[in-house]
Each structure stands twice: as structure tokens, then as C-alpha cells.
N, C-alpha and C. Protein backbone atom coordinates (compact mmCIF):
# COMPACT_ATOMS: atom_id res chain seq x y z
N UNK A 1 -45.91 7.16 49.39
CA UNK A 1 -46.09 7.62 50.75
C UNK A 1 -47.54 7.94 51.01
N UNK A 2 -48.22 8.50 49.98
CA UNK A 2 -49.62 8.83 50.16
C UNK A 2 -50.44 7.57 50.36
N UNK A 3 -50.06 6.48 49.67
CA UNK A 3 -50.75 5.21 49.86
C UNK A 3 -50.58 4.70 51.27
N UNK A 4 -49.40 4.91 51.84
CA UNK A 4 -49.16 4.47 53.21
C UNK A 4 -50.07 5.22 54.17
N UNK A 5 -50.17 6.55 53.99
CA UNK A 5 -51.01 7.34 54.88
C UNK A 5 -52.47 6.97 54.72
N UNK A 6 -52.90 6.73 53.48
CA UNK A 6 -54.29 6.37 53.25
C UNK A 6 -54.61 5.02 53.87
N UNK A 7 -53.70 4.05 53.71
CA UNK A 7 -53.98 2.74 54.29
C UNK A 7 -53.92 2.80 55.81
N UNK A 8 -53.05 3.65 56.36
CA UNK A 8 -52.97 3.78 57.80
C UNK A 8 -54.24 4.41 58.34
N UNK A 9 -54.76 5.45 57.65
CA UNK A 9 -55.99 6.09 58.09
C UNK A 9 -57.16 5.14 57.98
N UNK A 10 -57.23 4.36 56.90
CA UNK A 10 -58.35 3.44 56.75
C UNK A 10 -58.26 2.33 57.79
N UNK A 11 -57.05 1.92 58.16
CA UNK A 11 -56.91 0.89 59.16
C UNK A 11 -57.38 1.39 60.52
N UNK A 12 -57.08 2.65 60.83
CA UNK A 12 -57.53 3.21 62.09
C UNK A 12 -59.05 3.26 62.12
N UNK A 13 -59.66 3.68 61.00
CA UNK A 13 -61.11 3.72 60.92
C UNK A 13 -61.72 2.34 61.06
N UNK A 14 -61.10 1.33 60.47
CA UNK A 14 -61.62 -0.04 60.58
C UNK A 14 -61.51 -0.54 62.00
N UNK A 15 -60.43 -0.18 62.68
CA UNK A 15 -60.31 -0.66 64.06
C UNK A 15 -61.35 -0.02 64.95
N UNK A 16 -61.70 1.23 64.66
CA UNK A 16 -62.76 1.87 65.43
C UNK A 16 -64.11 1.22 65.13
N UNK A 17 -64.35 0.92 63.84
CA UNK A 17 -65.60 0.26 63.48
C UNK A 17 -65.63 -1.18 63.96
N UNK A 18 -64.45 -1.77 64.06
CA UNK A 18 -64.38 -3.16 64.53
C UNK A 18 -64.95 -3.32 65.92
N UNK A 19 -64.80 -2.33 66.76
CA UNK A 19 -65.35 -2.40 68.10
C UNK A 19 -66.85 -2.19 68.13
N UNK A 20 -67.43 -1.75 67.01
CA UNK A 20 -68.87 -1.48 66.97
C UNK A 20 -69.66 -2.63 66.38
N UNK A 21 -69.06 -3.75 66.16
CA UNK A 21 -69.82 -4.91 65.74
C UNK A 21 -69.39 -5.52 64.43
N UNK A 22 -68.43 -4.98 63.70
CA UNK A 22 -67.96 -5.63 62.49
C UNK A 22 -67.16 -6.86 62.88
N UNK A 23 -67.21 -7.88 62.06
CA UNK A 23 -66.52 -9.13 62.38
C UNK A 23 -65.15 -9.17 61.70
N UNK A 24 -64.20 -8.46 62.25
CA UNK A 24 -62.83 -8.49 61.76
C UNK A 24 -62.03 -9.45 62.60
N UNK A 25 -61.35 -10.36 61.94
CA UNK A 25 -60.50 -11.28 62.70
C UNK A 25 -59.17 -10.61 62.96
N UNK A 26 -58.51 -11.00 64.02
CA UNK A 26 -57.23 -10.41 64.39
C UNK A 26 -56.15 -10.75 63.37
N UNK A 27 -56.26 -11.93 62.73
CA UNK A 27 -55.23 -12.32 61.75
C UNK A 27 -55.28 -11.44 60.51
N UNK A 28 -56.47 -11.06 60.04
CA UNK A 28 -56.53 -10.23 58.84
C UNK A 28 -56.01 -8.83 59.11
N UNK A 29 -56.26 -8.30 60.29
CA UNK A 29 -55.77 -6.97 60.64
C UNK A 29 -54.26 -7.00 60.79
N UNK A 30 -53.71 -8.03 61.44
CA UNK A 30 -52.26 -8.08 61.61
C UNK A 30 -51.56 -8.30 60.28
N UNK A 31 -52.15 -9.07 59.36
CA UNK A 31 -51.54 -9.28 58.06
C UNK A 31 -51.52 -7.96 57.28
N UNK A 32 -52.62 -7.23 57.35
CA UNK A 32 -52.67 -5.94 56.67
C UNK A 32 -51.66 -4.98 57.29
N UNK A 33 -51.50 -5.03 58.60
CA UNK A 33 -50.54 -4.17 59.29
C UNK A 33 -49.12 -4.52 58.86
N UNK A 34 -48.80 -5.82 58.73
CA UNK A 34 -47.46 -6.22 58.32
C UNK A 34 -47.18 -5.78 56.89
N UNK A 35 -48.19 -5.88 55.99
CA UNK A 35 -47.99 -5.45 54.62
C UNK A 35 -47.75 -3.95 54.55
N UNK A 36 -48.46 -3.18 55.36
CA UNK A 36 -48.28 -1.74 55.36
C UNK A 36 -46.88 -1.40 55.85
N UNK A 37 -46.40 -2.07 56.89
CA UNK A 37 -45.05 -1.81 57.39
C UNK A 37 -44.00 -2.19 56.38
N UNK A 38 -44.19 -3.31 55.66
CA UNK A 38 -43.18 -3.71 54.67
C UNK A 38 -43.15 -2.71 53.51
N UNK A 39 -44.32 -2.19 53.09
CA UNK A 39 -44.33 -1.16 52.04
C UNK A 39 -43.64 0.10 52.51
N UNK A 40 -43.84 0.47 53.76
CA UNK A 40 -43.21 1.67 54.29
C UNK A 40 -41.69 1.51 54.35
N UNK A 41 -41.22 0.34 54.79
CA UNK A 41 -39.78 0.13 54.91
C UNK A 41 -39.11 0.08 53.55
N UNK A 42 -39.81 -0.36 52.51
CA UNK A 42 -39.19 -0.41 51.19
C UNK A 42 -39.10 0.98 50.56
N UNK A 43 -39.80 1.98 51.13
CA UNK A 43 -39.79 3.32 50.56
C UNK A 43 -38.91 4.29 51.36
N UNK A 44 -37.97 3.79 52.13
CA UNK A 44 -37.08 4.65 52.89
C UNK A 44 -36.17 5.37 51.92
N UNK A 45 -36.08 6.69 52.04
CA UNK A 45 -35.28 7.50 51.14
C UNK A 45 -33.95 7.81 51.79
N UNK A 46 -32.86 7.59 51.04
CA UNK A 46 -31.53 7.82 51.60
C UNK A 46 -30.74 8.76 50.68
N UNK A 47 -29.50 8.98 51.05
CA UNK A 47 -28.60 9.81 50.26
C UNK A 47 -28.36 9.19 48.90
N UNK A 48 -27.89 10.01 47.97
CA UNK A 48 -27.44 9.50 46.68
C UNK A 48 -26.01 9.04 46.87
N UNK A 49 -25.81 7.75 46.76
CA UNK A 49 -24.52 7.17 47.07
C UNK A 49 -24.01 6.37 45.87
N UNK A 50 -22.92 5.67 46.06
CA UNK A 50 -22.32 4.90 44.99
C UNK A 50 -23.34 3.89 44.45
N UNK A 51 -23.39 3.74 43.12
CA UNK A 51 -24.26 2.82 42.38
C UNK A 51 -25.72 3.25 42.35
N UNK A 52 -26.04 4.46 42.74
CA UNK A 52 -27.39 4.98 42.59
C UNK A 52 -27.60 5.40 41.14
N UNK A 53 -28.69 4.95 40.53
CA UNK A 53 -29.00 5.32 39.14
C UNK A 53 -29.87 6.57 39.17
N UNK A 54 -29.47 7.59 38.41
CA UNK A 54 -30.18 8.86 38.38
C UNK A 54 -30.64 9.17 36.96
N UNK A 55 -31.74 9.89 36.87
CA UNK A 55 -32.28 10.34 35.60
C UNK A 55 -31.59 11.64 35.21
N UNK A 56 -31.25 11.80 33.94
CA UNK A 56 -30.63 13.03 33.46
C UNK A 56 -31.73 13.93 32.89
N UNK A 57 -31.82 15.17 33.38
CA UNK A 57 -32.92 16.06 33.01
C UNK A 57 -32.46 17.27 32.18
N UNK A 58 -31.44 17.07 31.36
CA UNK A 58 -31.04 18.10 30.43
C UNK A 58 -30.90 17.49 29.04
N UNK A 59 -30.56 18.31 28.05
CA UNK A 59 -30.46 17.80 26.69
C UNK A 59 -29.01 17.54 26.28
N UNK A 60 -28.22 17.00 27.18
CA UNK A 60 -26.83 16.70 26.90
C UNK A 60 -26.67 15.41 26.10
N UNK A 61 -27.68 14.57 26.06
CA UNK A 61 -27.61 13.33 25.30
C UNK A 61 -27.67 12.09 26.16
N UNK A 62 -27.46 12.21 27.45
CA UNK A 62 -27.54 11.06 28.35
C UNK A 62 -28.96 10.89 28.87
N UNK A 63 -29.36 9.65 29.09
CA UNK A 63 -30.68 9.36 29.67
C UNK A 63 -30.56 9.03 31.15
N UNK A 64 -29.65 8.10 31.47
CA UNK A 64 -29.45 7.66 32.86
C UNK A 64 -27.97 7.58 33.15
N UNK A 65 -27.63 7.93 34.40
CA UNK A 65 -26.25 7.81 34.86
C UNK A 65 -26.23 7.05 36.18
N UNK A 66 -25.08 6.46 36.47
CA UNK A 66 -24.89 5.78 37.76
C UNK A 66 -23.81 6.51 38.54
N UNK A 67 -24.12 6.84 39.77
CA UNK A 67 -23.19 7.58 40.62
C UNK A 67 -21.96 6.73 40.92
N UNK A 68 -20.80 7.29 40.71
CA UNK A 68 -19.54 6.64 41.06
C UNK A 68 -19.06 7.14 42.42
N UNK A 69 -19.16 8.48 42.62
CA UNK A 69 -18.67 9.06 43.86
C UNK A 69 -19.37 10.39 44.12
N UNK A 70 -19.74 10.61 45.36
CA UNK A 70 -20.25 11.91 45.78
C UNK A 70 -19.05 12.74 46.22
N UNK A 71 -18.93 13.95 45.71
CA UNK A 71 -17.73 14.74 45.97
C UNK A 71 -17.77 15.45 47.32
N UNK A 72 -18.89 15.43 48.02
CA UNK A 72 -18.96 16.10 49.31
C UNK A 72 -19.66 15.17 50.30
N UNK A 73 -19.10 15.07 51.48
CA UNK A 73 -19.75 14.29 52.53
C UNK A 73 -19.39 12.82 52.50
N UNK A 74 -19.45 12.20 53.65
CA UNK A 74 -19.14 10.79 53.76
C UNK A 74 -20.32 9.91 53.36
N UNK A 75 -21.53 10.33 53.73
CA UNK A 75 -22.70 9.49 53.50
C UNK A 75 -23.14 9.49 52.05
N UNK A 76 -23.08 10.62 51.39
CA UNK A 76 -23.53 10.69 50.01
C UNK A 76 -23.91 12.10 49.64
N UNK A 77 -24.60 12.24 48.50
CA UNK A 77 -24.95 13.55 47.97
C UNK A 77 -26.40 13.87 48.24
N UNK A 78 -26.69 15.16 48.36
CA UNK A 78 -28.05 15.67 48.52
C UNK A 78 -28.31 16.71 47.43
N UNK A 79 -29.37 17.46 47.58
CA UNK A 79 -29.72 18.49 46.60
C UNK A 79 -28.58 19.50 46.44
N UNK A 80 -28.19 19.76 45.21
CA UNK A 80 -27.16 20.75 44.94
C UNK A 80 -25.74 20.25 45.01
N UNK A 81 -25.53 19.03 45.46
CA UNK A 81 -24.17 18.49 45.55
C UNK A 81 -23.71 17.98 44.18
N UNK A 82 -22.40 17.98 43.98
CA UNK A 82 -21.81 17.49 42.73
C UNK A 82 -21.38 16.05 42.91
N UNK A 83 -21.63 15.24 41.87
CA UNK A 83 -21.24 13.84 41.89
C UNK A 83 -20.43 13.53 40.64
N UNK A 84 -19.71 12.42 40.68
CA UNK A 84 -19.07 11.85 39.50
C UNK A 84 -19.90 10.65 39.11
N UNK A 85 -20.25 10.55 37.83
CA UNK A 85 -21.14 9.48 37.39
C UNK A 85 -20.68 8.90 36.06
N UNK A 86 -21.16 7.70 35.78
CA UNK A 86 -20.91 7.04 34.51
C UNK A 86 -22.22 6.98 33.72
N UNK A 87 -22.17 7.31 32.45
CA UNK A 87 -23.38 7.30 31.62
C UNK A 87 -23.75 5.85 31.30
N UNK A 88 -24.98 5.47 31.64
CA UNK A 88 -25.44 4.10 31.41
C UNK A 88 -26.33 3.98 30.18
N UNK A 89 -27.13 5.02 29.90
CA UNK A 89 -27.96 5.05 28.70
C UNK A 89 -27.81 6.42 28.06
N UNK A 90 -27.76 6.46 26.72
CA UNK A 90 -27.60 7.74 26.03
C UNK A 90 -28.33 7.70 24.69
N UNK A 91 -28.70 8.88 24.21
CA UNK A 91 -29.30 9.01 22.89
C UNK A 91 -28.20 8.87 21.85
N UNK A 92 -28.51 8.39 20.65
CA UNK A 92 -27.46 8.13 19.66
C UNK A 92 -26.70 9.37 19.20
N UNK A 93 -27.37 10.51 19.04
CA UNK A 93 -26.70 11.70 18.49
C UNK A 93 -26.43 12.76 19.55
N UNK A 94 -26.26 12.38 20.79
CA UNK A 94 -26.05 13.34 21.85
C UNK A 94 -24.59 13.74 22.01
N UNK A 95 -24.37 14.77 22.84
CA UNK A 95 -23.01 15.23 23.12
C UNK A 95 -22.25 14.24 23.99
N UNK A 96 -22.99 13.51 24.85
CA UNK A 96 -22.38 12.58 25.79
C UNK A 96 -22.69 11.15 25.34
N UNK A 97 -21.69 10.30 25.33
CA UNK A 97 -21.85 8.92 24.89
C UNK A 97 -21.89 7.96 26.08
N UNK A 98 -22.42 6.78 25.85
CA UNK A 98 -22.50 5.75 26.88
C UNK A 98 -21.10 5.34 27.32
N UNK A 99 -20.92 5.20 28.63
CA UNK A 99 -19.63 4.79 29.19
C UNK A 99 -18.74 5.94 29.60
N UNK A 100 -19.08 7.16 29.22
CA UNK A 100 -18.25 8.31 29.57
C UNK A 100 -18.43 8.66 31.04
N UNK A 101 -17.36 9.07 31.69
CA UNK A 101 -17.41 9.52 33.08
C UNK A 101 -17.62 11.03 33.08
N UNK A 102 -18.66 11.47 33.79
CA UNK A 102 -19.06 12.88 33.76
C UNK A 102 -19.29 13.39 35.18
N UNK A 103 -19.33 14.71 35.30
CA UNK A 103 -19.73 15.36 36.55
C UNK A 103 -21.20 15.73 36.44
N UNK A 104 -21.91 15.75 37.57
CA UNK A 104 -23.31 16.13 37.56
C UNK A 104 -23.69 16.81 38.86
N UNK A 105 -24.71 17.66 38.78
CA UNK A 105 -25.26 18.34 39.96
C UNK A 105 -26.64 17.75 40.23
N UNK A 106 -26.87 17.33 41.46
CA UNK A 106 -28.15 16.74 41.85
C UNK A 106 -29.19 17.86 41.92
N UNK A 107 -30.22 17.79 41.07
CA UNK A 107 -31.25 18.82 41.06
C UNK A 107 -32.57 18.32 41.65
N UNK A 108 -32.77 17.01 41.73
CA UNK A 108 -33.94 16.45 42.39
C UNK A 108 -33.50 15.22 43.16
N UNK A 109 -33.95 15.13 44.42
CA UNK A 109 -33.60 13.99 45.25
C UNK A 109 -34.84 13.51 45.99
N UNK A 110 -34.99 12.20 46.10
CA UNK A 110 -36.15 11.64 46.78
C UNK A 110 -36.04 11.82 48.29
N UNK A 111 -34.84 12.05 48.79
CA UNK A 111 -34.66 12.28 50.23
C UNK A 111 -35.08 13.71 50.56
N UNK A 112 -35.86 13.85 51.63
CA UNK A 112 -36.37 15.18 51.98
C UNK A 112 -35.27 16.06 52.55
N UNK A 113 -35.42 17.36 52.29
CA UNK A 113 -34.47 18.34 52.80
C UNK A 113 -35.28 19.49 53.39
N UNK A 114 -34.93 19.88 54.59
CA UNK A 114 -35.64 20.95 55.28
C UNK A 114 -35.24 22.32 54.75
N UNK A 115 -36.21 23.21 54.72
CA UNK A 115 -35.96 24.58 54.31
C UNK A 115 -35.97 25.48 55.54
N UNK A 116 -35.52 26.72 55.35
CA UNK A 116 -35.39 27.66 56.47
C UNK A 116 -36.74 28.01 57.09
N UNK A 117 -37.80 28.01 56.27
CA UNK A 117 -39.12 28.38 56.78
C UNK A 117 -39.85 27.23 57.47
N UNK A 118 -39.20 26.08 57.59
CA UNK A 118 -39.79 24.94 58.28
C UNK A 118 -40.42 23.92 57.36
N UNK A 119 -40.60 24.26 56.10
CA UNK A 119 -41.17 23.30 55.15
C UNK A 119 -40.07 22.34 54.69
N UNK A 120 -40.50 21.27 54.04
CA UNK A 120 -39.55 20.28 53.54
C UNK A 120 -39.81 20.07 52.06
N UNK A 121 -38.74 19.85 51.31
CA UNK A 121 -38.86 19.59 49.88
C UNK A 121 -38.31 18.20 49.59
N UNK A 122 -39.08 17.43 48.80
CA UNK A 122 -38.59 16.14 48.31
C UNK A 122 -39.29 15.85 47.00
N UNK A 123 -38.64 15.08 46.16
CA UNK A 123 -39.14 14.79 44.83
C UNK A 123 -39.40 13.30 44.70
N UNK A 124 -40.09 12.93 43.62
CA UNK A 124 -40.42 11.53 43.39
C UNK A 124 -39.24 10.74 42.85
N UNK A 125 -38.30 11.40 42.23
CA UNK A 125 -37.18 10.70 41.60
C UNK A 125 -35.86 11.40 41.93
N UNK A 126 -34.78 10.74 41.58
CA UNK A 126 -33.45 11.32 41.70
C UNK A 126 -33.03 11.77 40.30
N UNK A 127 -32.66 13.05 40.16
CA UNK A 127 -32.31 13.57 38.85
C UNK A 127 -31.06 14.43 38.95
N UNK A 128 -30.36 14.52 37.81
CA UNK A 128 -29.08 15.21 37.77
C UNK A 128 -28.97 16.01 36.47
N UNK A 129 -28.22 17.11 36.53
CA UNK A 129 -27.86 17.88 35.34
C UNK A 129 -26.36 17.72 35.15
N UNK A 130 -25.94 17.35 33.95
CA UNK A 130 -24.52 17.12 33.69
C UNK A 130 -23.79 18.44 33.51
N UNK A 131 -22.62 18.54 34.14
CA UNK A 131 -21.80 19.75 34.08
C UNK A 131 -20.36 19.37 33.74
N UNK A 132 -19.56 20.37 33.34
CA UNK A 132 -18.14 20.12 33.12
C UNK A 132 -17.38 20.35 34.43
N UNK A 133 -16.06 20.29 34.37
CA UNK A 133 -15.26 20.42 35.59
C UNK A 133 -15.37 21.80 36.23
N UNK A 134 -15.68 22.82 35.43
CA UNK A 134 -15.83 24.17 35.97
C UNK A 134 -17.23 24.41 36.54
N UNK A 135 -18.15 23.48 36.34
CA UNK A 135 -19.50 23.62 36.88
C UNK A 135 -20.50 24.20 35.90
N UNK A 136 -20.11 24.37 34.63
CA UNK A 136 -21.02 24.89 33.61
C UNK A 136 -21.80 23.74 33.00
N UNK A 137 -23.12 23.88 32.80
CA UNK A 137 -23.93 22.79 32.26
C UNK A 137 -23.50 22.42 30.83
N UNK A 138 -23.56 21.12 30.52
CA UNK A 138 -23.24 20.64 29.18
C UNK A 138 -24.41 20.91 28.24
N UNK A 139 -25.63 20.66 28.71
CA UNK A 139 -26.82 20.89 27.90
C UNK A 139 -27.24 22.35 27.92
N UNK A 140 -28.22 22.65 27.06
CA UNK A 140 -28.71 24.03 26.97
C UNK A 140 -30.12 24.19 27.52
N UNK A 141 -30.75 23.11 27.95
CA UNK A 141 -32.09 23.15 28.55
C UNK A 141 -32.13 22.23 29.75
N UNK A 142 -32.96 22.58 30.73
CA UNK A 142 -33.18 21.74 31.91
C UNK A 142 -34.69 21.51 32.00
N UNK A 143 -35.08 20.23 32.10
CA UNK A 143 -36.49 19.86 32.11
C UNK A 143 -36.97 19.60 33.53
N UNK A 144 -38.21 19.98 33.80
CA UNK A 144 -38.83 19.69 35.09
C UNK A 144 -38.47 20.71 36.15
N UNK A 145 -39.06 20.54 37.35
CA UNK A 145 -38.81 21.49 38.43
C UNK A 145 -37.40 21.37 39.01
N UNK A 146 -36.86 22.51 39.42
CA UNK A 146 -35.54 22.58 40.04
C UNK A 146 -35.68 23.41 41.32
N UNK A 147 -35.18 22.94 42.46
CA UNK A 147 -35.35 23.69 43.71
C UNK A 147 -34.47 24.94 43.75
N UNK A 148 -34.95 25.97 44.44
CA UNK A 148 -34.18 27.22 44.51
C UNK A 148 -32.99 27.12 45.46
N UNK A 149 -32.82 25.99 46.15
CA UNK A 149 -31.63 25.79 47.00
C UNK A 149 -30.34 25.76 46.19
N UNK A 150 -30.44 25.55 44.87
CA UNK A 150 -29.24 25.54 44.03
C UNK A 150 -28.58 26.90 43.99
N UNK A 151 -29.34 27.96 44.24
CA UNK A 151 -28.76 29.31 44.23
C UNK A 151 -27.72 29.44 45.34
N UNK A 152 -28.02 28.85 46.49
CA UNK A 152 -27.07 28.91 47.61
C UNK A 152 -25.81 28.10 47.33
N UNK A 153 -25.94 27.08 46.48
CA UNK A 153 -24.80 26.23 46.15
C UNK A 153 -24.04 26.73 44.93
N UNK A 154 -24.35 27.94 44.47
CA UNK A 154 -23.65 28.60 43.36
C UNK A 154 -23.88 27.91 42.01
N UNK A 155 -25.09 27.39 41.79
CA UNK A 155 -25.44 26.81 40.49
C UNK A 155 -26.51 27.67 39.82
N UNK A 156 -26.23 28.95 39.67
CA UNK A 156 -27.20 29.92 39.15
C UNK A 156 -27.47 29.65 37.66
N UNK A 157 -26.48 29.19 36.93
CA UNK A 157 -26.65 28.92 35.50
C UNK A 157 -27.71 27.82 35.29
N UNK A 158 -27.72 26.81 36.14
CA UNK A 158 -28.73 25.74 36.04
C UNK A 158 -30.10 26.32 36.31
N UNK A 159 -30.21 27.21 37.28
CA UNK A 159 -31.50 27.83 37.58
C UNK A 159 -32.00 28.69 36.41
N UNK A 160 -31.07 29.34 35.71
CA UNK A 160 -31.48 30.18 34.59
C UNK A 160 -31.96 29.34 33.41
N UNK A 161 -31.45 28.11 33.27
CA UNK A 161 -31.88 27.22 32.20
C UNK A 161 -33.18 26.48 32.51
N UNK A 162 -33.53 26.42 33.79
CA UNK A 162 -34.70 25.63 34.21
C UNK A 162 -36.00 26.31 33.81
N UNK A 163 -36.98 25.49 33.46
CA UNK A 163 -38.29 26.02 33.11
C UNK A 163 -39.14 26.34 34.32
N UNK A 164 -38.96 25.58 35.41
CA UNK A 164 -39.78 25.77 36.60
C UNK A 164 -38.89 25.66 37.84
N UNK A 165 -38.96 26.67 38.70
CA UNK A 165 -38.19 26.67 39.95
C UNK A 165 -39.13 26.39 41.10
N UNK A 166 -38.85 25.32 41.84
CA UNK A 166 -39.72 24.92 42.95
C UNK A 166 -39.19 25.47 44.27
């Protein structure tokens, strides 16, 4: 997204300089404009839905999971929502094996979510912490930042295991 803003700002500056005597052809500017729009459209962030691959950020033994079903909402899952997922990659000596169907709580989502103070939180990746049916984490550590919105969703145990609360 930062690249999009930088290219958009530089394009505006070039168009201003273009009127001052630089020899910019209309075709090169429109081609650059089309490339910027295509990059922007490919980076649209949506809900975590069926077949979304998520990174596992605990020490349960799984590396990546694929979402089977979001347990809340028609569109999909957001920060703090619980999903059902299938383990796609796992460490050899972990608690969770490849192919197992597990529950997980979304702790990082690339889709932005507004906060009460007017700010917005979004992450670079989609990440999940694996939990059992009662909502207790399977692993004993949580890696990376975790948003404090999980407290409102009653996932206090995940927050206590996290190293950094965003």
C-alpha cells in the first residue's frame, strides 16, 4: 500500500512538472497509471473466508492452516472471530498433525478494522492461534503482535500468552 501511495504522489509531481516543459508523452503516463491501478486492485483486503490460507503464530506444531468455515457472520471472519481450519503444513514433532481439523482464533487480519478512537488497525498477514472447542489455546506461546480487541471477544488467555499487544 505504501508503494501505491508513493507512486501516486510521484505521478502527481510528474504531472505538475510535465506542464513546466518536461517531455512526457501521454501514453507513458497512462501506462503507468494503469499499472498503478492494477497493483491497487490486486491488494484489496477482504474477510477471511473459505479456502483462505493463514499462518499459525503459536507453538502448537502447525505452520499453515486453510479456513474451512467461519463460525460467525455470512461474509467471513475478522479479528477475534473463531474459524474451523484444516492443517496444511506442520512440524514433525508438534501436537497438531497435518490434515487434522482444528479450531482457531484470528489474531491478525490484513483487512482493516476501525477502533473506537477513530484509528484503524490492519496487519500485513492473516494469522491464527489454534484453540480447542472450549476456546483454550493449544500452544503455550504466541508469537508476534496481537490486537487488544481480543479482550472484548473473551480471548484473554491468548492475550496473556502474547509477547506484544498492539
